């Protein structure tokens, strides 16, 4: 993904967080999408070679569990 588009995406997310601070969102980049597709077997890695390579491929993806929104006391 081009840096110009990444910057635009990050700007939109920043504005979303300023306007709606109680909404939590996670930004997924192309490399994250490819890792999820491969992890859950939705496509084979060799089929993904047609996509332009991501700028950075980190190590093994880390899965974080978001706390359950319904369990908050309020």
PDB file of N, CA and C in Angstrom:
ATOM      1  N   UNK A   1       0.853  -1.167   0.000  1.00  0.00           N
ATOM      2  CA  UNK A   1       0.000   0.000   0.000  1.00  0.00           C
ATOM      3  C   UNK A   1       0.901   1.232   0.000  1.00  0.00           C
ATOM      4  N   UNK A   2       0.550   2.207  -0.787  1.00  0.00           N
ATOM      5  CA  UNK A   2       1.395   3.392  -0.873  1.00  0.00           C
ATOM      6  C   UNK A   2       1.313   4.212   0.415  1.00  0.00           C
ATOM      7  N   UNK A   3       2.391   4.874   0.731  1.00  0.00           N
ATOM      8  CA  UNK A   3       2.460   5.645   1.971  1.00  0.00           C
ATOM      9  C   UNK A   3       1.392   6.730   1.999  1.00  0.00           C
ATOM     10  N   UNK A   4       1.086   7.293   0.841  1.00  0.00           N
ATOM     11  CA  UNK A   4       0.054   8.332   0.758  1.00  0.00           C
ATOM     12  C   UNK A   4      -1.295   7.783   1.233  1.00  0.00           C
ATOM     13  N   UNK A   5      -1.622   6.551   0.824  1.00  0.00           N
ATOM     14  CA  UNK A   5      -2.896   5.959   1.219  1.00  0.00           C
ATOM     15  C   UNK A   5      -2.899   5.561   2.690  1.00  0.00           C
ATOM     16  N   UNK A   6      -1.759   5.108   3.188  1.00  0.00           N
ATOM     17  CA  UNK A   6      -1.660   4.746   4.608  1.00  0.00           C
ATOM     18  C   UNK A   6      -1.854   5.996   5.465  1.00  0.00           C
ATOM     19  N   UNK A   7      -1.226   7.091   5.059  1.00  0.00           N
ATOM     20  CA  UNK A   7      -1.361   8.347   5.802  1.00  0.00           C
ATOM     21  C   UNK A   7      -2.820   8.805   5.804  1.00  0.00           C
ATOM     22  N   UNK A   8      -3.483   8.674   4.659  1.00  0.00           N
ATOM     23  CA  UNK A   8      -4.885   9.071   4.553  1.00  0.00           C
ATOM     24  C   UNK A   8      -5.759   8.204   5.465  1.00  0.00           C
ATOM     25  N   UNK A   9      -5.488   6.901   5.492  1.00  0.00           N
ATOM     26  CA  UNK A   9      -6.238   5.976   6.343  1.00  0.00           C
ATOM     27  C   UNK A   9      -6.035   6.329   7.814  1.00  0.00           C
ATOM     28  N   UNK A  10      -4.785   6.579   8.206  1.00  0.00           N
ATOM     29  CA  UNK A  10      -4.497   6.923   9.602  1.00  0.00           C
ATOM     30  C   UNK A  10      -5.163   8.232  10.000  1.00  0.00           C
ATOM     31  N   UNK A  11      -5.212   9.183   9.082  1.00  0.00           N
ATOM     32  CA  UNK A  11      -5.862  10.462   9.353  1.00  0.00           C
ATOM     33  C   UNK A  11      -7.358  10.260   9.610  1.00  0.00           C
ATOM     34  N   UNK A  12      -7.991   9.398   8.819  1.00  0.00           N
ATOM     35  CA  UNK A  12      -9.415   9.120   8.997  1.00  0.00           C
ATOM     36  C   UNK A  12      -9.675   8.471  10.354  1.00  0.00           C
ATOM     37  N   UNK A  13      -8.815   7.545  10.746  1.00  0.00           N
ATOM     38  CA  UNK A  13      -8.988   6.868  12.030  1.00  0.00           C
ATOM     39  C   UNK A  13      -8.782   7.852  13.175  1.00  0.00           C
ATOM     40  N   UNK A  14      -7.797   8.729  13.040  1.00  0.00           N
ATOM     41  CA  UNK A  14      -7.552   9.744  14.077  1.00  0.00           C
ATOM     42  C   UNK A  14      -8.776  10.638  14.236  1.00  0.00           C
ATOM     43  N   UNK A  15      -9.378  11.059  13.112  1.00  0.00           N
ATOM     44  CA  UNK A  15     -10.577  11.903  13.169  1.00  0.00           C
ATOM     45  C   UNK A  15     -11.742  11.142  13.801  1.00  0.00           C
ATOM     46  N   UNK A  16     -11.901   9.875  13.449  1.00  0.00           N
ATOM     47  CA  UNK A  16     -12.954   9.048  14.039  1.00  0.00           C
ATOM     48  C   UNK A  16     -12.801   8.989  15.555  1.00  0.00           C
ATOM     49  N   UNK A  17     -11.562   8.790  16.021  1.00  0.00           N
ATOM     50  CA  UNK A  17     -11.318   8.707  17.464  1.00  0.00           C
ATOM     51  C   UNK A  17     -11.567  10.041  18.166  1.00  0.00           C
ATOM     52  N   UNK A  18     -11.293  11.153  17.477  1.00  0.00           N
ATOM     53  CA  UNK A  18     -11.554  12.465  18.084  1.00  0.00           C
ATOM     54  C   UNK A  18     -13.047  12.730  18.181  1.00  0.00           C
ATOM     55  N   UNK A  19     -13.790  12.367  17.144  1.00  0.00           N
ATOM     56  CA  UNK A  19     -15.227  12.636  17.126  1.00  0.00           C
ATOM     57  C   UNK A  19     -16.010  11.676  18.018  1.00  0.00           C
ATOM     58  N   UNK A  20     -15.571  10.428  18.081  1.00  0.00           N
ATOM     59  CA  UNK A  20     -16.262   9.396  18.850  1.00  0.00           C
ATOM     60  C   UNK A  20     -15.259   8.671  19.742  1.00  0.00           C
ATOM     61  N   UNK A  21     -14.866   9.279  20.862  1.00  0.00           N
ATOM     62  CA  UNK A  21     -13.819   8.675  21.702  1.00  0.00           C
ATOM     63  C   UNK A  21     -14.212   7.338  22.325  1.00  0.00           C
ATOM     64  N   UNK A  22     -15.506   7.043  22.441  1.00  0.00           N
ATOM     65  CA  UNK A  22     -15.918   5.775  23.041  1.00  0.00           C
ATOM     66  C   UNK A  22     -15.936   4.622  22.038  1.00  0.00           C
ATOM     67  N   UNK A  23     -15.741   4.918  20.758  1.00  0.00           N
ATOM     68  CA  UNK A  23     -15.678   3.880  19.731  1.00  0.00           C
ATOM     69  C   UNK A  23     -14.237   3.423  19.585  1.00  0.00           C
ATOM     70  N   UNK A  24     -14.038   2.097  19.676  1.00  0.00           N
ATOM     71  CA  UNK A  24     -12.685   1.544  19.497  1.00  0.00           C
ATOM     72  C   UNK A  24     -12.604   0.898  18.126  1.00  0.00           C
ATOM     73  N   UNK A  25     -11.530   1.175  17.435  1.00  0.00           N
ATOM     74  CA  UNK A  25     -11.350   0.576  16.112  1.00  0.00           C
ATOM     75  C   UNK A  25      -9.904   0.150  15.959  1.00  0.00           C
ATOM     76  N   UNK A  26      -9.699  -0.807  15.072  1.00  0.00           N
ATOM     77  CA  UNK A  26      -8.380  -1.353  14.808  1.00  0.00           C
ATOM     78  C   UNK A  26      -8.107  -1.171  13.324  1.00  0.00           C
ATOM     79  N   UNK A  27      -6.941  -0.632  12.992  1.00  0.00           N
ATOM     80  CA  UNK A  27      -6.562  -0.427  11.607  1.00  0.00           C
ATOM     81  C   UNK A  27      -5.864  -1.689  11.110  1.00  0.00           C
ATOM     82  N   UNK A  28      -6.334  -2.216   9.994  1.00  0.00           N
ATOM     83  CA  UNK A  28      -5.704  -3.373   9.373  1.00  0.00           C
ATOM     84  C   UNK A  28      -5.043  -2.930   8.081  1.00  0.00           C
ATOM     85  N   UNK A  29      -3.801  -3.278   7.941  1.00  0.00           N
ATOM     86  CA  UNK A  29      -3.063  -2.963   6.729  1.00  0.00           C
ATOM     87  C   UNK A  29      -3.008  -4.203   5.851  1.00  0.00           C
ATOM     88  N   UNK A  30      -2.473  -4.069   4.655  1.00  0.00           N
ATOM     89  CA  UNK A  30      -2.421  -5.177   3.717  1.00  0.00           C
ATOM     90  C   UNK A  30      -1.700  -6.382   4.305  1.00  0.00           C
ATOM     91  N   UNK A  31      -0.600  -6.167   4.990  1.00  0.00           N
ATOM     92  CA  UNK A  31       0.149  -7.292   5.556  1.00  0.00           C
ATOM     93  C   UNK A  31      -0.681  -8.023   6.608  1.00  0.00           C
ATOM     94  N   UNK A  32      -1.494  -7.275   7.378  1.00  0.00           N
ATOM     95  CA  UNK A  32      -2.359  -7.893   8.379  1.00  0.00           C
ATOM     96  C   UNK A  32      -3.426  -8.751   7.703  1.00  0.00           C
ATOM     97  N   UNK A  33      -4.002  -8.235   6.624  1.00  0.00           N
ATOM     98  CA  UNK A  33      -5.028  -8.960   5.886  1.00  0.00           C
ATOM     99  C   UNK A  33      -4.457 -10.262   5.329  1.00  0.00           C
ATOM    100  N   UNK A  34      -3.287 -10.200   4.733  1.00  0.00           N
ATOM    101  CA  UNK A  34      -2.665 -11.390   4.152  1.00  0.00           C
ATOM    102  C   UNK A  34      -2.397 -12.434   5.231  1.00  0.00           C
ATOM    103  N   UNK A  35      -1.910 -11.993   6.385  1.00  0.00           N
ATOM    104  CA  UNK A  35      -1.636 -12.937   7.473  1.00  0.00           C
ATOM    105  C   UNK A  35      -2.914 -13.613   7.956  1.00  0.00           C
ATOM    106  N   UNK A  36      -4.011 -12.872   8.046  1.00  0.00           N
ATOM    107  CA  UNK A  36      -5.281 -13.460   8.478  1.00  0.00           C
ATOM    108  C   UNK A  36      -5.815 -14.453   7.450  1.00  0.00           C
ATOM    109  N   UNK A  37      -5.705 -14.106   6.179  1.00  0.00           N
ATOM    110  CA  UNK A  37      -6.169 -15.000   5.120  1.00  0.00           C
ATOM    111  C   UNK A  37      -5.407 -16.316   5.165  1.00  0.00           C
ATOM    112  N   UNK A  38      -4.107 -16.233   5.318  1.00  0.00           N
ATOM    113  CA  UNK A  38      -3.283 -17.450   5.366  1.00  0.00           C
ATOM    114  C   UNK A  38      -3.550 -18.220   6.655  1.00  0.00           C
ATOM    115  N   UNK A  39      -3.644 -17.515   7.782  1.00  0.00           N
ATOM    116  CA  UNK A  39      -3.840 -18.173   9.075  1.00  0.00           C
ATOM    117  C   UNK A  39      -5.120 -18.998   9.114  1.00  0.00           C
ATOM    118  N   UNK A  40      -6.203 -18.458   8.553  1.00  0.00           N
ATOM    119  CA  UNK A  40      -7.478 -19.146   8.606  1.00  0.00           C
ATOM    120  C   UNK A  40      -7.759 -19.978   7.357  1.00  0.00           C
ATOM    121  N   UNK A  41      -6.747 -20.135   6.500  1.00  0.00           N
ATOM    122  CA  UNK A  41      -6.865 -21.029   5.360  1.00  0.00           C
ATOM    123  C   UNK A  41      -7.864 -20.598   4.309  1.00  0.00           C
ATOM    124  N   UNK A  42      -8.126 -19.311   4.189  1.00  0.00           N
ATOM    125  CA  UNK A  42      -9.075 -18.826   3.192  1.00  0.00           C
ATOM    126  C   UNK A  42      -8.468 -18.800   1.794  1.00  0.00           C
ATOM    127  N   UNK A  43      -7.178 -18.810   1.722  1.00  0.00           N
ATOM    128  CA  UNK A  43      -6.472 -18.864   0.445  1.00  0.00           C
ATOM    129  C   UNK A  43      -5.077 -19.395   0.711  1.00  0.00           C
ATOM    130  N   UNK A  44      -4.458 -19.927  -0.306  1.00  0.00           N
ATOM    131  CA  UNK A  44      -3.100 -20.438  -0.169  1.00  0.00           C
ATOM    132  C   UNK A  44      -2.113 -19.303  -0.384  1.00  0.00           C
ATOM    133  N   UNK A  45      -0.988 -19.307   0.313  1.00  0.00           N
ATOM    134  CA  UNK A  45      -0.003 -18.236   0.173  1.00  0.00           C
ATOM    135  C   UNK A  45       0.474 -18.039  -1.267  1.00  0.00           C
ATOM    136  N   UNK A  46       0.529 -19.127  -2.072  1.00  0.00           N
ATOM    137  CA  UNK A  46       1.013 -18.959  -3.442  1.00  0.00           C
ATOM    138  C   UNK A  46       0.031 -18.173  -4.307  1.00  0.00           C
ATOM    139  N   UNK A  47      -1.267 -18.193  -3.965  1.00  0.00           N
ATOM    140  CA  UNK A  47      -2.234 -17.386  -4.708  1.00  0.00           C
ATOM    141  C   UNK A  47      -2.092 -15.901  -4.379  1.00  0.00           C
ATOM    142  N   UNK A  48      -1.539 -15.614  -3.239  1.00  0.00           N
ATOM    143  CA  UNK A  48      -1.398 -14.219  -2.812  1.00  0.00           C
ATOM    144  C   UNK A  48      -0.180 -13.554  -3.440  1.00  0.00           C
ATOM    145  N   UNK A  49       0.622 -14.312  -4.169  1.00  0.00           N
ATOM    146  CA  UNK A  49       1.805 -13.729  -4.795  1.00  0.00           C
ATOM    147  C   UNK A  49       1.444 -12.720  -5.870  1.00  0.00           C
ATOM    148  N   UNK A  50       0.220 -12.790  -6.394  1.00  0.00           N
ATOM    149  CA  UNK A  50      -0.212 -11.837  -7.414  1.00  0.00           C
ATOM    150  C   UNK A  50      -0.372 -10.438  -6.815  1.00  0.00           C
ATOM    151  N   UNK A  51      -0.600 -10.362  -5.510  1.00  0.00           N
ATOM    152  CA  UNK A  51      -0.719  -9.060  -4.851  1.00  0.00           C
ATOM    153  C   UNK A  51       0.657  -8.424  -4.737  1.00  0.00           C
ATOM    154  N   UNK A  52       0.724  -7.104  -4.775  1.00  0.00           N
ATOM    155  CA  UNK A  52       2.025  -6.476  -4.546  1.00  0.00           C
ATOM    156  C   UNK A  52       2.486  -6.780  -3.129  1.00  0.00           C
ATOM    157  N   UNK A  53       3.778  -7.016  -2.938  1.00  0.00           N
ATOM    158  CA  UNK A  53       4.244  -7.374  -1.602  1.00  0.00           C
ATOM    159  C   UNK A  53       4.077  -6.216  -0.622  1.00  0.00           C
ATOM    160  N   UNK A  54       3.700  -6.530   0.609  1.00  0.00           N
ATOM    161  CA  UNK A  54       3.617  -5.469   1.616  1.00  0.00           C
ATOM    162  C   UNK A  54       5.004  -4.925   1.889  1.00  0.00           C
ATOM    163  N   UNK A  55       5.037  -3.711   2.386  1.00  0.00           N
ATOM    164  CA  UNK A  55       6.316  -3.059   2.611  1.00  0.00           C
ATOM    165  C   UNK A  55       7.085  -3.701   3.747  1.00  0.00           C
ATOM    166  N   UNK A  56       6.385  -4.361   4.679  1.00  0.00           N
ATOM    167  CA  UNK A  56       7.061  -4.949   5.827  1.00  0.00           C
ATOM    168  C   UNK A  56       6.274  -6.163   6.281  1.00  0.00           C
ATOM    169  N   UNK A  57       6.942  -7.277   6.414  1.00  0.00           N
ATOM    170  CA  UNK A  57       6.300  -8.478   6.923  1.00  0.00           C
ATOM    171  C   UNK A  57       6.874  -8.785   8.302  1.00  0.00           C
ATOM    172  N   UNK A  58       6.113  -8.529   9.357  1.00  0.00           N
ATOM    173  CA  UNK A  58       6.626  -8.817  10.690  1.00  0.00           C
ATOM    174  C   UNK A  58       6.632 -10.309  10.950  1.00  0.00           C
ATOM    175  N   UNK A  59       7.080 -10.677  12.124  1.00  0.00           N
ATOM    176  CA  UNK A  59       7.100 -12.082  12.514  1.00  0.00           C
ATOM    177  C   UNK A  59       5.692 -12.610  12.693  1.00  0.00           C
ATOM    178  N   UNK A  60       5.582 -13.625  13.499  1.00  0.00           N
ATOM    179  CA  UNK A  60       4.292 -14.262  13.740  1.00  0.00           C
ATOM    180  C   UNK A  60       3.283 -13.237  14.269  1.00  0.00           C
ATOM    181  N   UNK A  61       2.065 -13.225  13.728  1.00  0.00           N
ATOM    182  CA  UNK A  61       1.082 -12.240  14.192  1.00  0.00           C
ATOM    183  C   UNK A  61       0.705 -12.478  15.655  1.00  0.00           C
ATOM    184  N   UNK A  62       0.467 -11.415  16.347  1.00  0.00           N
ATOM    185  CA  UNK A  62       0.073 -11.483  17.752  1.00  0.00           C
ATOM    186  C   UNK A  62      -1.424 -11.243  17.827  1.00  0.00           C
ATOM    187  N   UNK A  63      -2.142 -12.148  18.458  1.00  0.00           N
ATOM    188  CA  UNK A  63      -3.587 -12.020  18.600  1.00  0.00           C
ATOM    189  C   UNK A  63      -3.865 -11.439  19.971  1.00  0.00           C
ATOM    190  N   UNK A  64      -4.577 -10.332  19.991  1.00  0.00           N
ATOM    191  CA  UNK A  64      -4.948  -9.716  21.261  1.00  0.00           C
ATOM    192  C   UNK A  64      -6.450  -9.844  21.446  1.00  0.00           C
ATOM    193  N   UNK A  65      -6.865 -10.097  22.650  1.00  0.00           N
ATOM    194  CA  UNK A  65      -8.286 -10.250  22.947  1.00  0.00           C
ATOM    195  C   UNK A  65      -8.815  -8.939  23.495  1.00  0.00           C
ATOM    196  N   UNK A  66      -9.797  -8.385  22.810  1.00  0.00           N
ATOM    197  CA  UNK A  66     -10.421  -7.161  23.292  1.00  0.00           C
ATOM    198  C   UNK A  66     -11.379  -7.526  24.414  1.00  0.00           C
ATOM    199  N   UNK A  67     -11.386  -6.672  25.416  1.00  0.00           N
ATOM    200  CA  UNK A  67     -12.272  -6.977  26.533  1.00  0.00           C
ATOM    201  C   UNK A  67     -13.723  -6.895  26.097  1.00  0.00           C
ATOM    202  N   UNK A  68     -14.531  -7.676  26.715  1.00  0.00           N
ATOM    203  CA  UNK A  68     -15.936  -7.736  26.363  1.00  0.00           C
ATOM    204  C   UNK A  68     -16.612  -6.422  26.742  1.00  0.00           C
ATOM    205  N   UNK A  69     -17.194  -5.751  25.768  1.00  0.00           N
ATOM    206  CA  UNK A  69     -17.825  -4.452  26.011  1.00  0.00           C
ATOM    207  C   UNK A  69     -19.020  -4.560  26.943  1.00  0.00           C
ATOM    208  N   UNK A  70     -19.726  -5.681  26.925  1.00  0.00           N
ATOM    209  CA  UNK A  70     -20.921  -5.832  27.738  1.00  0.00           C
ATOM    210  C   UNK A  70     -20.652  -6.054  29.208  1.00  0.00           C
ATOM    211  N   UNK A  71     -19.395  -6.354  29.582  1.00  0.00           N
ATOM    212  CA  UNK A  71     -19.107  -6.665  30.972  1.00  0.00           C
ATOM    213  C   UNK A  71     -18.738  -5.447  31.807  1.00  0.00           C
ATOM    214  N   UNK A  72     -18.720  -4.272  31.174  1.00  0.00           N
ATOM    215  CA  UNK A  72     -18.381  -3.060  31.933  1.00  0.00           C
ATOM    216  C   UNK A  72     -19.486  -2.695  32.905  1.00  0.00           C
ATOM    217  N   UNK A  73     -19.101  -2.306  34.080  1.00  0.00           N
ATOM    218  CA  UNK A  73     -20.086  -1.856  35.065  1.00  0.00           C
ATOM    219  C   UNK A  73     -20.460  -0.415  34.759  1.00  0.00           C
ATOM    220  N   UNK A  74     -21.732  -0.093  34.721  1.00  0.00           N
ATOM    221  CA  UNK A  74     -22.066   1.276  34.365  1.00  0.00           C
ATOM    222  C   UNK A  74     -23.341   1.732  34.807  1.00  0.00           C
TER     223      UNK A  74
END
